[in-house]
N, C-alpha and C. Protein backbone atom coordinates (compact mmCIF):
# COMPACT_ATOMS: atom_id res chain seq x y z
N MET A 1 -38.85 0.95 -4.86
CA MET A 1 -37.97 1.88 -4.16
C MET A 1 -37.81 3.16 -4.97
N GLY A 2 -37.67 4.25 -4.24
CA GLY A 2 -37.46 5.52 -4.90
C GLY A 2 -35.98 5.81 -5.07
N LEU A 3 -35.72 6.94 -5.69
CA LEU A 3 -34.34 7.35 -5.96
C LEU A 3 -33.51 7.51 -4.69
N PRO A 4 -33.98 8.19 -3.64
CA PRO A 4 -33.15 8.32 -2.43
C PRO A 4 -32.79 6.98 -1.80
N GLU A 5 -33.74 6.04 -1.79
CA GLU A 5 -33.45 4.73 -1.21
C GLU A 5 -32.45 3.96 -2.05
N ASP A 6 -32.58 4.07 -3.39
CA ASP A 6 -31.64 3.38 -4.28
C ASP A 6 -30.23 3.94 -4.13
N ILE A 7 -30.12 5.25 -3.98
CA ILE A 7 -28.79 5.86 -3.82
C ILE A 7 -28.20 5.47 -2.47
N ALA A 8 -29.02 5.44 -1.43
CA ALA A 8 -28.52 5.01 -0.12
C ALA A 8 -28.08 3.55 -0.17
N SER A 9 -28.84 2.71 -0.87
CA SER A 9 -28.48 1.31 -1.01
C SER A 9 -27.18 1.16 -1.81
N LEU A 10 -27.04 1.95 -2.88
CA LEU A 10 -25.82 1.92 -3.69
C LEU A 10 -24.61 2.33 -2.84
N GLU A 11 -24.78 3.37 -2.03
CA GLU A 11 -23.68 3.84 -1.19
C GLU A 11 -23.27 2.76 -0.18
N HIS A 12 -24.25 2.12 0.44
CA HIS A 12 -23.97 1.06 1.43
C HIS A 12 -23.28 -0.13 0.76
N ASP A 13 -23.82 -0.56 -0.38
CA ASP A 13 -23.24 -1.71 -1.08
C ASP A 13 -21.85 -1.41 -1.60
N LEU A 14 -21.62 -0.18 -2.06
CA LEU A 14 -20.30 0.20 -2.55
C LEU A 14 -19.28 0.19 -1.42
N ARG A 15 -19.68 0.70 -0.26
CA ARG A 15 -18.79 0.68 0.91
C ARG A 15 -18.44 -0.76 1.30
N GLU A 16 -19.43 -1.62 1.27
CA GLU A 16 -19.21 -3.03 1.60
C GLU A 16 -18.31 -3.70 0.56
N LEU A 17 -18.50 -3.34 -0.72
CA LEU A 17 -17.69 -3.91 -1.79
C LEU A 17 -16.22 -3.51 -1.64
N ILE A 18 -15.98 -2.26 -1.30
CA ILE A 18 -14.60 -1.78 -1.09
C ILE A 18 -13.94 -2.56 0.04
N ILE A 19 -14.68 -2.78 1.11
CA ILE A 19 -14.14 -3.54 2.25
C ILE A 19 -13.85 -4.98 1.85
N LYS A 20 -14.76 -5.59 1.09
CA LYS A 20 -14.57 -6.98 0.66
C LYS A 20 -13.34 -7.12 -0.24
N TYR A 21 -13.14 -6.14 -1.14
CA TYR A 21 -11.95 -6.20 -1.99
C TYR A 21 -10.67 -6.02 -1.19
N GLU A 22 -10.67 -5.13 -0.21
CA GLU A 22 -9.49 -4.97 0.63
C GLU A 22 -9.20 -6.26 1.39
N GLN A 23 -10.24 -6.92 1.87
CA GLN A 23 -10.05 -8.19 2.56
C GLN A 23 -9.53 -9.25 1.58
N TYR A 24 -10.00 -9.21 0.36
CA TYR A 24 -9.54 -10.16 -0.65
C TYR A 24 -8.05 -9.95 -0.96
N PHE A 25 -7.64 -8.70 -1.11
CA PHE A 25 -6.25 -8.41 -1.42
C PHE A 25 -5.33 -8.67 -0.23
N CYS A 26 -5.86 -8.57 0.98
CA CYS A 26 -5.05 -8.88 2.17
C CYS A 26 -4.97 -10.37 2.44
N GLY A 27 -5.84 -11.14 1.81
CA GLY A 27 -5.81 -12.59 2.01
C GLY A 27 -6.84 -13.08 3.00
N VAL A 28 -7.67 -12.20 3.55
CA VAL A 28 -8.71 -12.61 4.49
C VAL A 28 -9.81 -13.35 3.73
N GLU A 29 -10.26 -12.79 2.64
CA GLU A 29 -11.26 -13.44 1.78
C GLU A 29 -10.53 -14.25 0.72
N LYS A 30 -10.98 -15.45 0.45
CA LYS A 30 -10.31 -16.32 -0.50
C LYS A 30 -10.77 -16.10 -1.93
N ARG A 31 -11.97 -15.54 -2.09
CA ARG A 31 -12.50 -15.33 -3.44
C ARG A 31 -12.82 -13.86 -3.66
N GLU A 32 -12.63 -13.45 -4.89
CA GLU A 32 -12.96 -12.09 -5.28
C GLU A 32 -14.47 -11.89 -5.20
N PRO A 33 -14.95 -10.78 -4.64
CA PRO A 33 -16.40 -10.58 -4.48
C PRO A 33 -17.09 -10.16 -5.78
N LEU A 34 -17.11 -11.06 -6.75
CA LEU A 34 -17.65 -10.74 -8.07
C LEU A 34 -19.17 -10.57 -8.07
N LEU A 35 -19.88 -11.35 -7.26
CA LEU A 35 -21.34 -11.22 -7.21
C LEU A 35 -21.76 -9.86 -6.67
N LEU A 36 -21.09 -9.42 -5.62
CA LEU A 36 -21.40 -8.10 -5.06
C LEU A 36 -21.02 -7.00 -6.04
N LEU A 37 -19.91 -7.17 -6.75
CA LEU A 37 -19.50 -6.19 -7.77
C LEU A 37 -20.55 -6.08 -8.86
N GLU A 38 -21.05 -7.22 -9.31
CA GLU A 38 -22.08 -7.22 -10.35
C GLU A 38 -23.35 -6.52 -9.87
N GLU A 39 -23.72 -6.78 -8.63
CA GLU A 39 -24.92 -6.16 -8.06
C GLU A 39 -24.76 -4.64 -7.95
N VAL A 40 -23.59 -4.20 -7.52
CA VAL A 40 -23.33 -2.76 -7.39
C VAL A 40 -23.32 -2.10 -8.77
N GLU A 41 -22.71 -2.75 -9.75
CA GLU A 41 -22.69 -2.19 -11.12
C GLU A 41 -24.10 -2.11 -11.69
N ARG A 42 -24.92 -3.12 -11.42
CA ARG A 42 -26.30 -3.10 -11.90
C ARG A 42 -27.07 -1.93 -11.28
N CYS A 43 -26.86 -1.74 -9.98
CA CYS A 43 -27.53 -0.63 -9.29
C CYS A 43 -27.02 0.72 -9.81
N ALA A 44 -25.74 0.80 -10.15
CA ALA A 44 -25.18 2.05 -10.66
C ALA A 44 -25.70 2.37 -12.05
N ARG A 45 -25.97 1.33 -12.86
CA ARG A 45 -26.49 1.55 -14.22
C ARG A 45 -27.97 1.88 -14.25
N ARG A 46 -28.67 1.63 -13.15
CA ARG A 46 -30.12 1.80 -13.13
C ARG A 46 -30.55 3.21 -13.51
N TYR A 47 -29.83 4.21 -13.04
CA TYR A 47 -30.21 5.61 -13.31
C TYR A 47 -29.27 6.28 -14.30
N GLN A 48 -28.56 5.49 -15.10
CA GLN A 48 -27.60 6.04 -16.03
C GLN A 48 -28.27 6.90 -17.11
N ASN A 49 -29.40 6.47 -17.64
CA ASN A 49 -30.08 7.21 -18.71
C ASN A 49 -31.33 7.92 -18.22
N VAL A 50 -31.42 8.14 -16.92
CA VAL A 50 -32.57 8.82 -16.34
C VAL A 50 -32.14 10.23 -15.94
N ALA A 51 -32.94 11.21 -16.28
CA ALA A 51 -32.64 12.59 -15.89
C ALA A 51 -33.05 12.79 -14.43
N ILE A 52 -32.08 13.03 -13.59
CA ILE A 52 -32.34 13.25 -12.17
C ILE A 52 -32.45 14.76 -11.97
N THR A 53 -33.62 15.21 -11.53
CA THR A 53 -33.86 16.65 -11.42
C THR A 53 -33.34 17.22 -10.12
N ASN A 54 -33.32 16.44 -9.06
CA ASN A 54 -32.83 16.91 -7.77
C ASN A 54 -31.30 16.99 -7.85
N THR A 55 -30.75 18.19 -7.72
CA THR A 55 -29.31 18.41 -7.87
C THR A 55 -28.51 17.64 -6.84
N MET A 56 -28.99 17.62 -5.62
CA MET A 56 -28.26 16.92 -4.57
C MET A 56 -28.18 15.42 -4.86
N MET A 57 -29.31 14.84 -5.28
CA MET A 57 -29.35 13.42 -5.60
C MET A 57 -28.49 13.11 -6.83
N LYS A 58 -28.53 14.01 -7.82
CA LYS A 58 -27.73 13.82 -9.02
C LYS A 58 -26.24 13.83 -8.69
N PHE A 59 -25.83 14.78 -7.85
CA PHE A 59 -24.42 14.87 -7.44
C PHE A 59 -24.00 13.62 -6.67
N LYS A 60 -24.83 13.18 -5.75
CA LYS A 60 -24.54 12.00 -4.94
C LYS A 60 -24.41 10.77 -5.84
N TYR A 61 -25.32 10.61 -6.78
CA TYR A 61 -25.29 9.48 -7.69
C TYR A 61 -24.02 9.51 -8.54
N GLN A 62 -23.71 10.66 -9.12
CA GLN A 62 -22.53 10.77 -9.97
C GLN A 62 -21.25 10.54 -9.17
N SER A 63 -21.22 10.99 -7.92
CA SER A 63 -20.05 10.76 -7.07
C SER A 63 -19.85 9.27 -6.79
N LEU A 64 -20.95 8.57 -6.51
CA LEU A 64 -20.86 7.14 -6.24
C LEU A 64 -20.42 6.36 -7.48
N VAL A 65 -20.93 6.74 -8.64
CA VAL A 65 -20.54 6.07 -9.88
C VAL A 65 -19.06 6.33 -10.17
N ALA A 66 -18.59 7.55 -9.95
CA ALA A 66 -17.18 7.87 -10.16
C ALA A 66 -16.30 7.09 -9.18
N THR A 67 -16.72 6.99 -7.94
CA THR A 67 -15.97 6.23 -6.95
C THR A 67 -15.87 4.76 -7.35
N LEU A 68 -16.98 4.21 -7.82
CA LEU A 68 -16.98 2.82 -8.30
C LEU A 68 -16.01 2.66 -9.46
N CYS A 69 -16.02 3.60 -10.39
CA CYS A 69 -15.14 3.52 -11.56
C CYS A 69 -13.67 3.55 -11.15
N VAL A 70 -13.31 4.44 -10.24
CA VAL A 70 -11.93 4.55 -9.78
C VAL A 70 -11.50 3.28 -9.07
N HIS A 71 -12.34 2.78 -8.18
CA HIS A 71 -12.00 1.55 -7.46
C HIS A 71 -11.92 0.34 -8.39
N ARG A 72 -12.82 0.30 -9.38
CA ARG A 72 -12.80 -0.83 -10.31
C ARG A 72 -11.48 -0.84 -11.09
N GLN A 73 -10.99 0.33 -11.50
CA GLN A 73 -9.69 0.41 -12.18
C GLN A 73 -8.56 -0.05 -11.26
N LYS A 74 -8.61 0.37 -10.00
CA LYS A 74 -7.59 -0.03 -9.04
C LYS A 74 -7.62 -1.54 -8.82
N TRP A 75 -8.81 -2.12 -8.70
CA TRP A 75 -8.94 -3.56 -8.49
C TRP A 75 -8.44 -4.34 -9.70
N THR A 76 -8.74 -3.84 -10.91
CA THR A 76 -8.27 -4.51 -12.12
C THR A 76 -6.75 -4.48 -12.18
N ARG A 77 -6.16 -3.33 -11.86
CA ARG A 77 -4.70 -3.19 -11.87
C ARG A 77 -4.07 -4.12 -10.82
N THR A 78 -4.66 -4.17 -9.64
CA THR A 78 -4.12 -5.02 -8.58
C THR A 78 -4.24 -6.49 -8.95
N ASN A 79 -5.36 -6.90 -9.54
CA ASN A 79 -5.53 -8.28 -9.97
C ASN A 79 -4.50 -8.64 -11.04
N ARG A 80 -4.22 -7.70 -11.95
CA ARG A 80 -3.21 -7.95 -12.97
C ARG A 80 -1.83 -8.13 -12.33
N LEU A 81 -1.51 -7.29 -11.35
CA LEU A 81 -0.23 -7.43 -10.65
C LEU A 81 -0.13 -8.76 -9.92
N ILE A 82 -1.24 -9.20 -9.32
CA ILE A 82 -1.25 -10.50 -8.63
C ILE A 82 -0.99 -11.62 -9.64
N GLU A 83 -1.65 -11.56 -10.80
CA GLU A 83 -1.47 -12.59 -11.81
C GLU A 83 -0.04 -12.62 -12.34
N GLU A 84 0.60 -11.45 -12.43
CA GLU A 84 1.98 -11.38 -12.92
C GLU A 84 2.99 -11.66 -11.82
N GLY A 85 2.53 -11.77 -10.57
CA GLY A 85 3.43 -12.04 -9.45
C GLY A 85 4.19 -10.82 -8.99
N LYS A 86 3.69 -9.63 -9.29
CA LYS A 86 4.38 -8.40 -8.93
C LYS A 86 3.70 -7.63 -7.80
N TYR A 87 2.70 -8.23 -7.21
CA TYR A 87 1.96 -7.53 -6.15
C TYR A 87 2.82 -7.47 -4.90
N THR A 88 3.03 -6.27 -4.35
CA THR A 88 4.01 -6.08 -3.28
C THR A 88 3.65 -6.83 -2.01
N ARG A 89 2.41 -6.91 -1.64
CA ARG A 89 2.06 -7.64 -0.41
C ARG A 89 2.40 -9.11 -0.57
N ASP A 90 2.14 -9.67 -1.74
CA ASP A 90 2.48 -11.07 -1.98
C ASP A 90 3.99 -11.27 -1.97
N ARG A 91 4.74 -10.33 -2.58
CA ARG A 91 6.19 -10.46 -2.58
C ARG A 91 6.73 -10.34 -1.17
N PHE A 92 6.15 -9.47 -0.36
CA PHE A 92 6.60 -9.31 1.02
C PHE A 92 6.37 -10.60 1.80
N LYS A 93 5.19 -11.21 1.63
CA LYS A 93 4.90 -12.47 2.31
C LYS A 93 5.86 -13.55 1.83
N MET A 94 6.13 -13.58 0.53
CA MET A 94 7.02 -14.59 -0.03
C MET A 94 8.43 -14.42 0.53
N SER A 95 8.92 -13.19 0.65
CA SER A 95 10.25 -12.97 1.19
C SER A 95 10.32 -13.35 2.67
N LEU A 96 9.22 -13.13 3.41
CA LEU A 96 9.19 -13.55 4.80
C LEU A 96 9.28 -15.07 4.91
N HIS A 97 8.53 -15.77 4.06
CA HIS A 97 8.56 -17.23 4.09
C HIS A 97 9.94 -17.76 3.70
N GLU A 98 10.57 -17.11 2.71
CA GLU A 98 11.91 -17.53 2.31
C GLU A 98 12.91 -17.30 3.43
N ALA A 99 12.79 -16.16 4.12
CA ALA A 99 13.70 -15.86 5.23
C ALA A 99 13.51 -16.87 6.36
N GLU A 100 12.27 -17.22 6.66
CA GLU A 100 12.00 -18.21 7.70
C GLU A 100 12.57 -19.57 7.32
N ALA A 101 12.42 -19.94 6.05
CA ALA A 101 12.95 -21.23 5.59
C ALA A 101 14.47 -21.23 5.63
N ALA A 102 15.09 -20.12 5.24
CA ALA A 102 16.55 -20.03 5.26
C ALA A 102 17.06 -20.06 6.69
N GLN A 103 16.35 -19.41 7.59
CA GLN A 103 16.76 -19.37 8.99
C GLN A 103 16.60 -20.76 9.63
N ALA A 104 15.59 -21.47 9.26
CA ALA A 104 15.37 -22.81 9.82
C ALA A 104 16.43 -23.78 9.31
N GLY A 105 16.91 -23.56 8.08
CA GLY A 105 17.90 -24.46 7.52
C GLY A 105 19.32 -24.04 7.77
N SER A 106 19.57 -22.86 8.36
CA SER A 106 20.92 -22.37 8.57
C SER A 106 21.47 -22.85 9.91
N PRO A 107 22.82 -22.94 10.04
CA PRO A 107 23.40 -23.32 11.32
C PRO A 107 23.15 -22.27 12.38
N ALA A 108 23.24 -22.69 13.64
CA ALA A 108 22.90 -21.80 14.76
C ALA A 108 23.88 -20.65 14.90
N ASP A 109 25.17 -20.85 14.49
CA ASP A 109 26.14 -19.77 14.68
C ASP A 109 26.12 -18.76 13.54
N ALA A 110 25.41 -19.00 12.44
CA ALA A 110 25.34 -18.05 11.33
C ALA A 110 24.41 -16.90 11.70
N PRO A 111 24.73 -15.67 11.24
CA PRO A 111 23.85 -14.55 11.56
C PRO A 111 22.51 -14.71 10.85
N PRO A 112 21.42 -14.35 11.51
CA PRO A 112 20.10 -14.51 10.89
C PRO A 112 19.95 -13.56 9.71
N PRO A 113 19.13 -13.94 8.70
CA PRO A 113 18.93 -13.07 7.55
C PRO A 113 18.16 -11.82 7.90
N ALA A 114 17.70 -11.68 9.13
CA ALA A 114 16.96 -10.49 9.54
C ALA A 114 17.89 -9.34 9.84
N GLN A 115 19.19 -9.46 9.50
CA GLN A 115 20.13 -8.37 9.72
C GLN A 115 20.45 -7.76 8.36
N ALA A 116 20.42 -6.45 8.30
CA ALA A 116 20.71 -5.74 7.06
C ALA A 116 22.04 -5.03 7.22
N ALA A 117 22.32 -4.11 6.32
CA ALA A 117 23.59 -3.40 6.33
C ALA A 117 23.80 -2.68 7.65
N GLY A 118 25.00 -2.79 8.16
CA GLY A 118 25.32 -2.07 9.38
C GLY A 118 24.69 -2.66 10.61
N ASN A 119 24.38 -3.96 10.63
CA ASN A 119 23.74 -4.61 11.78
C ASN A 119 22.45 -3.93 12.22
N ARG A 120 21.79 -3.30 11.30
CA ARG A 120 20.50 -2.65 11.59
C ARG A 120 19.42 -3.71 11.53
N PRO A 121 18.54 -3.80 12.52
CA PRO A 121 17.49 -4.82 12.48
C PRO A 121 16.61 -4.65 11.25
N ASP A 122 16.20 -5.77 10.67
CA ASP A 122 15.42 -5.75 9.44
C ASP A 122 14.09 -5.04 9.62
N HIS A 123 13.49 -5.12 10.82
CA HIS A 123 12.19 -4.47 11.02
C HIS A 123 12.31 -2.96 10.87
N SER A 124 13.43 -2.39 11.27
CA SER A 124 13.63 -0.94 11.13
C SER A 124 13.82 -0.59 9.66
N LEU A 125 14.65 -1.35 8.97
CA LEU A 125 14.85 -1.13 7.54
C LEU A 125 13.55 -1.34 6.78
N GLU A 126 12.82 -2.38 7.16
CA GLU A 126 11.55 -2.66 6.50
C GLU A 126 10.55 -1.53 6.72
N ARG A 127 10.52 -0.99 7.94
CA ARG A 127 9.62 0.14 8.24
C ARG A 127 9.97 1.34 7.37
N ILE A 128 11.25 1.67 7.27
CA ILE A 128 11.69 2.82 6.46
C ILE A 128 11.38 2.55 4.99
N PHE A 129 11.64 1.32 4.54
CA PHE A 129 11.37 0.96 3.15
C PHE A 129 9.89 1.13 2.82
N GLN A 130 9.01 0.61 3.70
CA GLN A 130 7.57 0.73 3.46
C GLN A 130 7.11 2.19 3.48
N GLN A 131 7.66 2.98 4.41
CA GLN A 131 7.31 4.40 4.46
C GLN A 131 7.76 5.12 3.20
N TYR A 132 8.95 4.77 2.70
CA TYR A 132 9.48 5.42 1.50
C TYR A 132 8.61 5.07 0.29
N ARG A 133 8.23 3.79 0.18
CA ARG A 133 7.35 3.39 -0.94
C ARG A 133 6.00 4.09 -0.86
N ALA A 134 5.44 4.18 0.35
CA ALA A 134 4.15 4.85 0.52
C ALA A 134 4.27 6.33 0.16
N ALA A 135 5.39 6.96 0.53
CA ALA A 135 5.59 8.36 0.20
C ALA A 135 5.71 8.55 -1.31
N ARG A 136 6.39 7.62 -2.00
CA ARG A 136 6.50 7.71 -3.46
C ARG A 136 5.12 7.54 -4.11
N GLU A 137 4.32 6.62 -3.57
CA GLU A 137 2.97 6.45 -4.11
C GLU A 137 2.13 7.70 -3.88
N ALA A 138 2.30 8.33 -2.71
CA ALA A 138 1.54 9.55 -2.40
C ALA A 138 1.94 10.68 -3.34
N CYS A 139 3.19 10.67 -3.81
CA CYS A 139 3.67 11.70 -4.74
C CYS A 139 3.47 11.30 -6.19
N ASN A 140 2.77 10.19 -6.42
CA ASN A 140 2.52 9.66 -7.77
C ASN A 140 3.81 9.37 -8.51
N LEU A 141 4.80 8.82 -7.82
CA LEU A 141 6.06 8.41 -8.43
C LEU A 141 6.09 6.89 -8.50
N PRO A 142 6.81 6.33 -9.48
CA PRO A 142 6.85 4.87 -9.60
C PRO A 142 7.56 4.24 -8.41
N VAL A 143 7.09 3.07 -7.99
CA VAL A 143 7.68 2.38 -6.85
C VAL A 143 8.32 1.06 -7.25
N GLU A 144 8.20 0.67 -8.51
CA GLU A 144 8.71 -0.63 -8.94
C GLU A 144 10.23 -0.71 -8.83
N ASN A 145 10.93 0.41 -9.06
CA ASN A 145 12.39 0.36 -9.08
C ASN A 145 13.00 0.62 -7.70
N VAL A 146 12.20 0.80 -6.67
CA VAL A 146 12.71 1.03 -5.32
C VAL A 146 12.92 -0.33 -4.64
N THR A 147 14.15 -0.56 -4.15
CA THR A 147 14.45 -1.83 -3.50
C THR A 147 14.96 -1.58 -2.08
N ARG A 148 14.92 -2.62 -1.29
CA ARG A 148 15.44 -2.52 0.08
C ARG A 148 16.93 -2.22 0.06
N GLU A 149 17.64 -2.79 -0.94
CA GLU A 149 19.08 -2.57 -1.04
C GLU A 149 19.39 -1.10 -1.29
N MET A 150 18.56 -0.43 -2.11
CA MET A 150 18.76 1.01 -2.35
C MET A 150 18.61 1.80 -1.06
N ILE A 151 17.59 1.48 -0.28
CA ILE A 151 17.34 2.19 0.97
C ILE A 151 18.48 1.91 1.95
N ALA A 152 18.91 0.64 2.03
CA ALA A 152 20.01 0.29 2.94
C ALA A 152 21.29 1.02 2.54
N ALA A 153 21.55 1.13 1.23
CA ALA A 153 22.75 1.84 0.76
C ALA A 153 22.68 3.32 1.09
N ALA A 154 21.50 3.92 0.93
CA ALA A 154 21.34 5.34 1.26
C ALA A 154 21.55 5.57 2.75
N ILE A 155 21.05 4.66 3.56
CA ILE A 155 21.22 4.78 5.02
C ILE A 155 22.71 4.68 5.37
N GLU A 156 23.40 3.73 4.77
CA GLU A 156 24.81 3.54 5.08
C GLU A 156 25.66 4.71 4.58
N ARG A 157 25.23 5.37 3.51
CA ARG A 157 25.96 6.56 3.03
C ARG A 157 25.82 7.72 4.01
N GLN A 158 24.61 7.92 4.54
CA GLN A 158 24.35 9.07 5.41
C GLN A 158 24.81 8.86 6.84
N LYS A 159 24.81 7.62 7.29
CA LYS A 159 25.05 7.32 8.70
C LYS A 159 26.41 7.83 9.22
N PRO A 160 27.55 7.58 8.54
CA PRO A 160 28.83 8.04 9.08
C PRO A 160 28.92 9.56 9.22
N ALA A 161 28.38 10.27 8.25
CA ALA A 161 28.45 11.74 8.30
C ALA A 161 27.66 12.28 9.49
N ILE A 162 26.50 11.71 9.76
CA ILE A 162 25.69 12.17 10.89
C ILE A 162 26.37 11.81 12.21
N LEU A 163 26.92 10.61 12.30
CA LEU A 163 27.62 10.20 13.52
C LEU A 163 28.80 11.13 13.82
N GLU A 164 29.53 11.49 12.77
CA GLU A 164 30.69 12.37 12.96
C GLU A 164 30.27 13.80 13.27
N LYS A 165 29.27 14.28 12.58
CA LYS A 165 28.84 15.67 12.74
C LYS A 165 28.27 15.93 14.14
N TYR A 166 27.45 15.03 14.64
CA TYR A 166 26.77 15.26 15.91
C TYR A 166 27.39 14.50 17.09
N HIS A 167 28.46 13.75 16.85
CA HIS A 167 29.15 13.00 17.91
C HIS A 167 28.16 12.17 18.73
N CYS A 168 27.41 11.36 18.04
CA CYS A 168 26.41 10.51 18.70
C CYS A 168 26.71 9.05 18.38
N LYS A 169 26.04 8.16 19.07
CA LYS A 169 26.27 6.73 18.89
C LYS A 169 25.25 6.09 17.94
N GLU A 170 24.06 6.65 17.89
CA GLU A 170 22.98 6.08 17.08
C GLU A 170 22.39 7.14 16.17
N VAL A 171 21.87 6.69 15.04
CA VAL A 171 21.20 7.56 14.08
C VAL A 171 19.85 6.95 13.76
N GLU A 172 18.81 7.78 13.71
CA GLU A 172 17.50 7.28 13.30
C GLU A 172 17.10 7.98 12.02
N PHE A 173 16.34 7.28 11.19
CA PHE A 173 15.96 7.80 9.89
C PHE A 173 14.45 7.92 9.80
N ALA A 174 14.02 8.93 9.05
CA ALA A 174 12.60 9.15 8.82
C ALA A 174 12.42 9.54 7.35
N VAL A 175 11.24 9.28 6.82
CA VAL A 175 10.92 9.63 5.45
C VAL A 175 10.07 10.90 5.48
N VAL A 176 10.51 11.92 4.73
CA VAL A 176 9.76 13.17 4.63
C VAL A 176 9.56 13.49 3.15
N ILE A 177 8.57 14.30 2.87
CA ILE A 177 8.32 14.72 1.49
C ILE A 177 8.69 16.20 1.39
N GLU A 178 9.65 16.48 0.52
CA GLU A 178 10.11 17.86 0.29
C GLU A 178 10.05 18.14 -1.20
N GLY A 179 9.38 19.20 -1.58
CA GLY A 179 9.31 19.58 -2.98
C GLY A 179 8.64 18.53 -3.85
N GLY A 180 7.70 17.81 -3.29
CA GLY A 180 6.98 16.80 -4.04
C GLY A 180 7.73 15.49 -4.22
N LYS A 181 8.87 15.33 -3.51
CA LYS A 181 9.64 14.09 -3.61
C LYS A 181 9.97 13.57 -2.22
N PRO A 182 9.89 12.26 -2.02
CA PRO A 182 10.24 11.71 -0.71
C PRO A 182 11.76 11.72 -0.52
N ARG A 183 12.17 11.97 0.71
CA ARG A 183 13.59 12.00 1.06
C ARG A 183 13.79 11.25 2.38
N LEU A 184 14.98 10.68 2.51
CA LEU A 184 15.37 10.06 3.78
C LEU A 184 16.07 11.13 4.60
N LYS A 185 15.60 11.36 5.80
CA LYS A 185 16.22 12.32 6.70
C LYS A 185 16.83 11.58 7.88
N ALA A 186 18.08 11.88 8.14
CA ALA A 186 18.79 11.26 9.27
C ALA A 186 18.92 12.29 10.38
N ARG A 187 18.80 11.80 11.60
CA ARG A 187 19.01 12.68 12.75
C ARG A 187 19.60 11.85 13.88
N PRO A 188 20.39 12.50 14.72
CA PRO A 188 21.01 11.76 15.81
C PRO A 188 19.95 11.26 16.78
N LYS A 189 20.16 10.07 17.28
CA LYS A 189 19.23 9.48 18.23
C LYS A 189 19.73 9.79 19.63
N ARG A 190 18.91 10.46 20.38
CA ARG A 190 19.30 10.86 21.75
C ARG A 190 19.01 9.73 22.72
N SER A 191 19.94 9.48 23.61
CA SER A 191 19.75 8.40 24.57
C SER A 191 18.96 8.88 25.76
């Protein structure tokens, strides 16, 4: 195979490897795709000490190697978080299972654990919480110290002022990024 075919093969295999890792982290794949990772790394090292004269091919090769390096660091970090039990998707699944178990064991007249502060449905709070965490990640801010309780408290602080100011019955919240920082914005919900 020539250089263009090898680069096209590297690009295809790298794309497939990224998809396999995402499936692994989501729980679709049960095993980490280590064989495919090894194959992609071997292909990436093939032209490491070779002078590529075609500028376009050289740029494409270097871009693919850089992409592999960035993703490999992300995968290593995510695997470390999984091993430490701090991976957010796993914690979210665990909290769902705990809530289901608590709900199954609770009496019928007790309020379900799916209610948060202010009788707000948990799915709405969870949506805002996930959006806020994603916004913090997009702004390169730490997300470890952000909790659902913090978001619920912020919502409960803002809610009475908005209800009084706009004389409305409902308030909806959205996450926006202002000045490089995520913020919770409240606005009256129109019926």
